[in-house]
């Protein structure tokens, strides 16, 4: 069978007939043309538009990508960003996000094909820009601290950030916890009351920076006084060069800051014995004036009482000192150290990791003492603070 129009134009005929007429070579072209014409009429599928946008927050100049695919010819009718027209073309578009407000932005692309139906496509996508400095605040409980106490500096930001800071020029070591960054600072009992300057620099992952300063108030705390009588064999050690050298050596140790926080929860008291001398008590030696404050807490501990670790740590010192006697010092990380003095025996070695409740040694009466006891001391960034406060509440 074959079909011929009344005008004599060939509409459709089998290949054999076309060959007989000498038109066989035209058949493939005619067939493909007919198929294209039919597809042009029947196409109901819109162009496939792919919008390539940043998945993470961005700053500065970024590139937006637009790809279009369709079996027929197509045209980009419009491209707009937050309702503002951009060049209506596929490919890559550079956008300076510094000219945009911070936040979420919408990109809209409209395209259509050139089929008889003029099928249209609308594609939208979003990205987030952040070019301004981040917001930060000092949490209210970080505004003041008492003499002899531990200050937890809490800085909260509106986006995750790396926080650096100084307190009266001394660097702080901050730990990130989501939108909160915290650091510890110690104030010994002889710190002068008044204002201290906290300087903060916060940097987000895009490089945006914010600087701020805050006033920290050190409040006065009243501590008791006591008189200490030392035997002639040890009384001369307190103000001696030997003690000064010992203090200097320990200060160098306490200045170290290991980056890992090893403790968690409240600290346990190292011995289950009564306190005989509180932290920060003013001391007069052998009837003289008050010349110093007690930098630890003394427990009435008979010789041989087991002394345990109050929290996980690493042994930073385990040896006999001239004034402090047989001693163990634990590094709990982030500049926090605890000290155990006047022991009769040590059961740990330098570098050893200990857990809460592990035995460090036995109490004794070595060094400059009036009798058997345990001196327990806690240092934060080199400053002696009340160790018993850490047994009553979790720090930070």
Foldseek 3Di string as FASTA:
>chain_A
DADADPVRHGDGDDLVVCVVVVNNVCVVVVVVVVVVLVCLAVDQDWWDKDWDDDPAAAAFKDKIAIDTDDPAAKFWPFKDKQPHTDPRDGGIDIDTCVVPDFFKIKIWTKMFGNGPVRHIDIDMDMHGYDDAAWDKDWDPQQQEEEAQAKGKTKMFIPADWDKWKDKLNHTWDWDDDGRIIITMDGHHLPHDWAWIKMWMWIAHPNGHIDIDIGIHTYDHDDAAADEAEFPPVALVVPPDVLVVVVLVVVLVVLQDAAADQFFWWFFDAFAPADWDDFFQHFYHYPPHDRDGGHLFIKGPFEAFGWTWGRAKFFWADAAAGAAQGGKTKTDRGSSKIKIKGQHPFADDDGGDIDGHGHTGGTWHHGHGHPGTIITMWMTHSSHTHGSVVRNVTPDD
